Amino acid sequence: MAKAPAKKRPTPRTAAYRKGIEIRKQLSGKRYGGQATALAELAPDLEDMLNEVVFGKVWGRPGLEIKMRSVAVIAALTSMQRLPQLKGHIANGLNVGLSKEEIVEILIQMAFYAGVPAAVNAFQVAKEVFDAEGL
């Protein structure tokens, strides 16, 4: 059976979407746009929603600076054991000004709130990021 031609997606133009893209660029640094994700390939509409809502409207809120939001996400992902996403967010934290030492302290704190096994797994992920970044 022949494949249907790919539909060209309209580029969202909302202010929240544009803000979300800018925040993602800030978080990702040199990694931004380097490789298409499975999400972008398989569910591009969901990726657009994440850009607009999660990054544009949540990360873009004025109540916390981006570095503090990164602390919250690293802690949450450690607790939930979302290790592939944690890896990206540890790298993002470095991009927005968290130091290696601060990330280590976040993970130590999480050992007592999310459990030692969760923290041990997170430290393995953090080591991979630190090694990749030459830290």
C-alpha atoms as a PDB file:
ATOM      1  CA  MET A   1       0.000   0.000   0.000  1.00  0.00           C
ATOM      2  CA  ALA A   2       1.400   3.406  -0.944  1.00  0.00           C
ATOM      3  CA  LYS A   3       2.117   5.920   1.764  1.00  0.00           C
ATOM      4  CA  ALA A   4      -0.031   9.001   1.859  1.00  0.00           C
ATOM      5  CA  PRO A   5       1.930  12.186   1.232  1.00  0.00           C
ATOM      6  CA  ALA A   6       3.038  13.867   4.433  1.00  0.00           C
ATOM      7  CA  LYS A   7       0.882  16.780   5.465  1.00  0.00           C
ATOM      8  CA  LYS A   8       2.671  20.054   5.925  1.00  0.00           C
ATOM      9  CA  ARG A   9       1.996  21.206   9.468  1.00  0.00           C
ATOM     10  CA  PRO A  10       1.168  24.838   9.934  1.00  0.00           C
ATOM     11  CA  THR A  11       3.719  26.552  12.131  1.00  0.00           C
ATOM     12  CA  PRO A  12       2.052  27.736  15.303  1.00  0.00           C
ATOM     13  CA  ARG A  13       2.485  31.478  15.680  1.00  0.00           C
ATOM     14  CA  THR A  14       1.160  32.170  19.153  1.00  0.00           C
ATOM     15  CA  ALA A  15       3.248  34.233  21.527  1.00  0.00           C
ATOM     16  CA  ALA A  16       3.319  31.303  23.980  1.00  0.00           C
ATOM     17  CA  TYR A  17       4.627  28.960  21.279  1.00  0.00           C
ATOM     18  CA  ARG A  18       7.393  31.395  20.305  1.00  0.00           C
ATOM     19  CA  LYS A  19       8.293  31.891  23.961  1.00  0.00           C
ATOM     20  CA  GLY A  20       8.382  28.112  24.405  1.00  0.00           C
ATOM     21  CA  ILE A  21      10.809  27.723  21.526  1.00  0.00           C
ATOM     22  CA  GLU A  22      13.077  30.405  23.004  1.00  0.00           C
ATOM     23  CA  ILE A  23      13.019  28.709  26.407  1.00  0.00           C
ATOM     24  CA  ARG A  24      13.817  25.336  24.832  1.00  0.00           C
ATOM     25  CA  LYS A  25      16.748  26.900  22.996  1.00  0.00           C
ATOM     26  CA  GLN A  26      17.992  28.381  26.263  1.00  0.00           C
ATOM     27  CA  LEU A  27      17.618  25.064  28.071  1.00  0.00           C
ATOM     28  CA  SER A  28      19.125  22.909  25.334  1.00  0.00           C
ATOM     29  CA  GLY A  29      21.981  25.170  24.321  1.00  0.00           C
ATOM     30  CA  LYS A  30      24.119  23.591  21.613  1.00  0.00           C
ATOM     31  CA  ARG A  31      21.916  20.465  21.633  1.00  0.00           C
ATOM     32  CA  TYR A  32      18.877  22.368  20.330  1.00  0.00           C
ATOM     33  CA  GLY A  33      17.662  21.090  16.964  1.00  0.00           C
ATOM     34  CA  GLY A  34      20.563  18.691  16.581  1.00  0.00           C
ATOM     35  CA  GLN A  35      18.465  15.580  16.195  1.00  0.00           C
ATOM     36  CA  ALA A  36      14.797  14.939  15.602  1.00  0.00           C
ATOM     37  CA  THR A  37      13.156  13.188  18.526  1.00  0.00           C
ATOM     38  CA  ALA A  38      10.735  10.295  18.290  1.00  0.00           C
ATOM     39  CA  LEU A  39       8.094  12.699  19.568  1.00  0.00           C
ATOM     40  CA  ALA A  40       8.761  15.192  16.767  1.00  0.00           C
ATOM     41  CA  GLU A  41       8.614  12.419  14.195  1.00  0.00           C
ATOM     42  CA  LEU A  42       5.658  10.431  15.490  1.00  0.00           C
ATOM     43  CA  ALA A  43       3.509  13.027  17.264  1.00  0.00           C
ATOM     44  CA  PRO A  44       4.435  16.481  15.989  1.00  0.00           C
ATOM     45  CA  ASP A  45       1.149  17.973  17.191  1.00  0.00           C
ATOM     46  CA  LEU A  46       1.955  16.886  20.750  1.00  0.00           C
ATOM     47  CA  GLU A  47       5.399  18.442  20.438  1.00  0.00           C
ATOM     48  CA  ASP A  48       3.773  21.702  19.344  1.00  0.00           C
ATOM     49  CA  MET A  49       1.471  21.562  22.380  1.00  0.00           C
ATOM     50  CA  LEU A  50       4.440  20.966  24.687  1.00  0.00           C
ATOM     51  CA  ASN A  51       6.283  23.916  23.161  1.00  0.00           C
ATOM     52  CA  GLU A  52       3.289  26.168  23.664  1.00  0.00           C
ATOM     53  CA  VAL A  53       1.973  24.994  27.023  1.00  0.00           C
ATOM     54  CA  VAL A  54       4.785  23.367  28.996  1.00  0.00           C
ATOM     55  CA  PHE A  55       7.622  25.586  27.827  1.00  0.00           C
ATOM     56  CA  GLY A  56       5.772  28.728  26.766  1.00  0.00           C
ATOM     57  CA  LYS A  57       3.142  28.952  29.492  1.00  0.00           C
ATOM     58  CA  VAL A  58       4.603  26.978  32.430  1.00  0.00           C
ATOM     59  CA  TRP A  59       8.365  27.457  32.111  1.00  0.00           C
ATOM     60  CA  GLY A  60       7.673  30.993  30.896  1.00  0.00           C
ATOM     61  CA  ARG A  61       5.736  32.065  33.999  1.00  0.00           C
ATOM     62  CA  PRO A  62       7.240  35.000  35.884  1.00  0.00           C
ATOM     63  CA  GLY A  63       7.194  33.492  39.405  1.00  0.00           C
ATOM     64  CA  LEU A  64      10.471  31.531  39.243  1.00  0.00           C
ATOM     65  CA  GLU A  65      13.683  32.019  37.328  1.00  0.00           C
ATOM     66  CA  ILE A  66      14.510  29.296  34.820  1.00  0.00           C
ATOM     67  CA  LYS A  67      17.320  27.906  36.994  1.00  0.00           C
ATOM     68  CA  MET A  68      14.857  27.269  39.849  1.00  0.00           C
ATOM     69  CA  ARG A  69      12.386  25.607  37.497  1.00  0.00           C
ATOM     70  CA  SER A  70      15.214  23.348  36.385  1.00  0.00           C
ATOM     71  CA  VAL A  71      15.865  22.348  40.026  1.00  0.00           C
ATOM     72  CA  ALA A  72      12.183  21.422  40.405  1.00  0.00           C
ATOM     73  CA  VAL A  73      12.163  19.342  37.225  1.00  0.00           C
ATOM     74  CA  ILE A  74      15.374  17.482  38.122  1.00  0.00           C
ATOM     75  CA  ALA A  75      13.884  16.642  41.536  1.00  0.00           C
ATOM     76  CA  ALA A  76      10.550  15.557  40.053  1.00  0.00           C
ATOM     77  CA  LEU A  77      12.094  13.383  37.358  1.00  0.00           C
ATOM     78  CA  THR A  78      14.406  11.783  39.923  1.00  0.00           C
ATOM     79  CA  SER A  79      11.425  10.987  42.115  1.00  0.00           C
ATOM     80  CA  MET A  80       9.425   9.542  39.216  1.00  0.00           C
ATOM     81  CA  GLN A  81      12.468   7.706  37.803  1.00  0.00           C
ATOM     82  CA  ARG A  82      12.008   9.162  34.334  1.00  0.00           C
ATOM     83  CA  LEU A  83      15.682   8.588  33.571  1.00  0.00           C
ATOM     84  CA  PRO A  84      15.829   9.413  29.830  1.00  0.00           C
ATOM     85  CA  GLN A  85      14.125  12.751  30.502  1.00  0.00           C
ATOM     86  CA  LEU A  86      16.272  13.300  33.609  1.00  0.00           C
ATOM     87  CA  LYS A  87      19.399  13.016  31.495  1.00  0.00           C
ATOM     88  CA  GLY A  88      18.220  15.820  29.236  1.00  0.00           C
ATOM     89  CA  HIS A  89      17.124  17.996  32.134  1.00  0.00           C
ATOM     90  CA  ILE A  90      20.427  17.595  33.968  1.00  0.00           C
ATOM     91  CA  ALA A  91      22.139  18.843  30.809  1.00  0.00           C
ATOM     92  CA  ASN A  92      19.552  21.627  30.594  1.00  0.00           C
ATOM     93  CA  GLY A  93      20.285  22.570  34.208  1.00  0.00           C
ATOM     94  CA  LEU A  94      23.952  22.990  33.367  1.00  0.00           C
ATOM     95  CA  ASN A  95      22.964  25.190  30.409  1.00  0.00           C
ATOM     96  CA  VAL A  96      20.929  27.524  32.621  1.00  0.00           C
ATOM     97  CA  GLY A  97      23.556  27.946  35.318  1.00  0.00           C
ATOM     98  CA  LEU A  98      23.311  25.018  37.699  1.00  0.00           C
ATOM     99  CA  SER A  99      26.736  23.760  38.696  1.00  0.00           C
ATOM    100  CA  LYS A 100      27.759  20.125  38.928  1.00  0.00           C
ATOM    101  CA  GLU A 101      27.888  20.586  42.704  1.00  0.00           C
ATOM    102  CA  GLU A 102      24.342  21.975  42.843  1.00  0.00           C
ATOM    103  CA  ILE A 103      23.007  19.054  40.814  1.00  0.00           C
ATOM    104  CA  VAL A 104      24.784  16.609  43.133  1.00  0.00           C
ATOM    105  CA  GLU A 105      23.136  18.352  46.111  1.00  0.00           C
ATOM    106  CA  ILE A 106      19.699  18.091  44.486  1.00  0.00           C
ATOM    107  CA  LEU A 107      20.219  14.348  44.072  1.00  0.00           C
ATOM    108  CA  ILE A 108      21.466  13.911  47.644  1.00  0.00           C
ATOM    109  CA  GLN A 109      18.332  15.725  48.860  1.00  0.00           C
ATOM    110  CA  MET A 110      16.179  13.435  46.735  1.00  0.00           C
ATOM    111  CA  ALA A 111      17.713  10.315  48.319  1.00  0.00           C
ATOM    112  CA  PHE A 112      15.714  11.107  51.452  1.00  0.00           C
ATOM    113  CA  TYR A 113      12.500  12.201  49.743  1.00  0.00           C
ATOM    114  CA  ALA A 114      12.343   9.823  46.767  1.00  0.00           C
ATOM    115  CA  GLY A 115      14.457   6.970  48.134  1.00  0.00           C
ATOM    116  CA  VAL A 116      18.081   5.937  47.918  1.00  0.00           C
ATOM    117  CA  PRO A 117      17.582   3.643  44.882  1.00  0.00           C
ATOM    118  CA  ALA A 118      16.004   6.535  42.960  1.00  0.00           C
ATOM    119  CA  ALA A 119      18.938   8.782  43.835  1.00  0.00           C
ATOM    120  CA  VAL A 120      21.484   6.086  42.924  1.00  0.00           C
ATOM    121  CA  ASN A 121      19.880   5.758  39.486  1.00  0.00           C
ATOM    122  CA  ALA A 122      19.870   9.538  39.111  1.00  0.00           C
ATOM    123  CA  PHE A 123      23.559   9.733  40.026  1.00  0.00           C
ATOM    124  CA  GLN A 124      24.350   7.242  37.250  1.00  0.00           C
ATOM    125  CA  VAL A 125      22.498   9.450  34.770  1.00  0.00           C
ATOM    126  CA  ALA A 126      24.192  12.575  36.132  1.00  0.00           C
ATOM    127  CA  LYS A 127      27.628  10.963  35.762  1.00  0.00           C
ATOM    128  CA  GLU A 128      26.888  10.235  32.105  1.00  0.00           C
ATOM    129  CA  VAL A 129      25.975  13.901  31.541  1.00  0.00           C
ATOM    130  CA  PHE A 130      28.962  15.209  33.507  1.00  0.00           C
ATOM    131  CA  ASP A 131      31.332  12.927  31.593  1.00  0.00           C
ATOM    132  CA  ALA A 132      29.846  14.024  28.260  1.00  0.00           C
ATOM    133  CA  GLU A 133      30.281  17.665  29.290  1.00  0.00           C
ATOM    134  CA  GLY A 134      33.836  17.131  30.515  1.00  0.00           C
ATOM    135  CA  LEU A 135      32.967  17.919  34.144  1.00  0.00           C
END
